[in-house]
Protein backbone atom coordinates (compact mmCIF):
# COMPACT_ATOMS: atom_id res chain seq x y z
CA MET A 1 13.19 10.46 22.74
CA THR A 2 12.74 7.09 21.12
CA ASN A 3 13.75 6.11 17.63
CA ALA A 4 10.14 6.23 16.47
CA GLU A 5 9.77 9.81 17.65
CA TYR A 6 12.88 10.84 15.70
CA LEU A 7 11.48 9.14 12.59
CA PHE A 8 8.12 10.84 13.03
CA GLY A 9 9.78 14.23 13.43
CA GLY A 10 11.84 13.64 10.31
CA TYR A 11 8.80 12.70 8.25
CA LEU A 12 6.94 15.73 9.60
CA ALA A 13 9.81 18.07 8.65
CA MET A 14 10.10 16.53 5.17
CA GLY A 15 6.37 16.91 4.64
CA LEU A 16 6.53 20.56 5.69
CA VAL A 17 9.44 21.25 3.32
CA TYR A 18 7.56 19.55 0.47
CA LEU A 19 4.41 21.55 1.21
CA ILE A 20 6.32 24.85 1.11
CA TYR A 21 8.06 23.79 -2.12
CA TRP A 22 4.74 22.84 -3.76
CA TRP A 23 3.10 26.08 -2.63
CA SER A 24 5.96 28.22 -4.03
CA LEU A 25 5.72 26.40 -7.37
CA ARG A 26 1.99 27.15 -7.51
CA GLN A 27 2.59 30.82 -6.71
CA ARG A 28 5.22 31.09 -9.45
CA GLU A 29 2.86 29.48 -11.99
CA ARG A 30 0.16 31.97 -11.08
CA PHE A 31 2.65 34.84 -11.40
CA VAL A 32 3.73 33.69 -14.87
CA GLU A 33 0.09 33.39 -15.95
CA ARG A 34 -0.58 36.93 -14.74
CA GLU A 35 2.44 38.22 -16.69
CA LEU A 36 1.16 36.51 -19.85
CA ASP A 37 -2.31 38.00 -19.34
CA ILE A 38 -0.84 41.51 -19.02
CA GLU A 39 1.21 40.97 -22.18
CA ARG A 40 -1.85 39.71 -24.05
CA GLU A 41 -3.88 42.73 -22.94
CA MET A 42 -1.16 45.10 -24.08
CA ARG A 43 -1.05 43.40 -27.49
CA SER A 44 -4.83 43.58 -27.90
CA ASP A 45 -4.71 47.29 -26.97
CA GLU A 46 -2.08 47.89 -29.66
CA THR A 47 -4.16 46.15 -32.31
CA ALA A 48 -7.26 48.07 -31.22
CA LEU A 49 -5.45 51.39 -31.63
CA THR A 50 -4.35 50.75 -35.22
């Protein structure tokens, strides 16, 4: 393998790691939003009952 091929492989691996990292951050944001929605619904149910 030439030097250029090593460099290309390194960039490819770094890009893949970044993609996975970005995707996991997005999933966590969505999860937090869902938790907040559930909490909000529960609060609105409590106020509706009283």
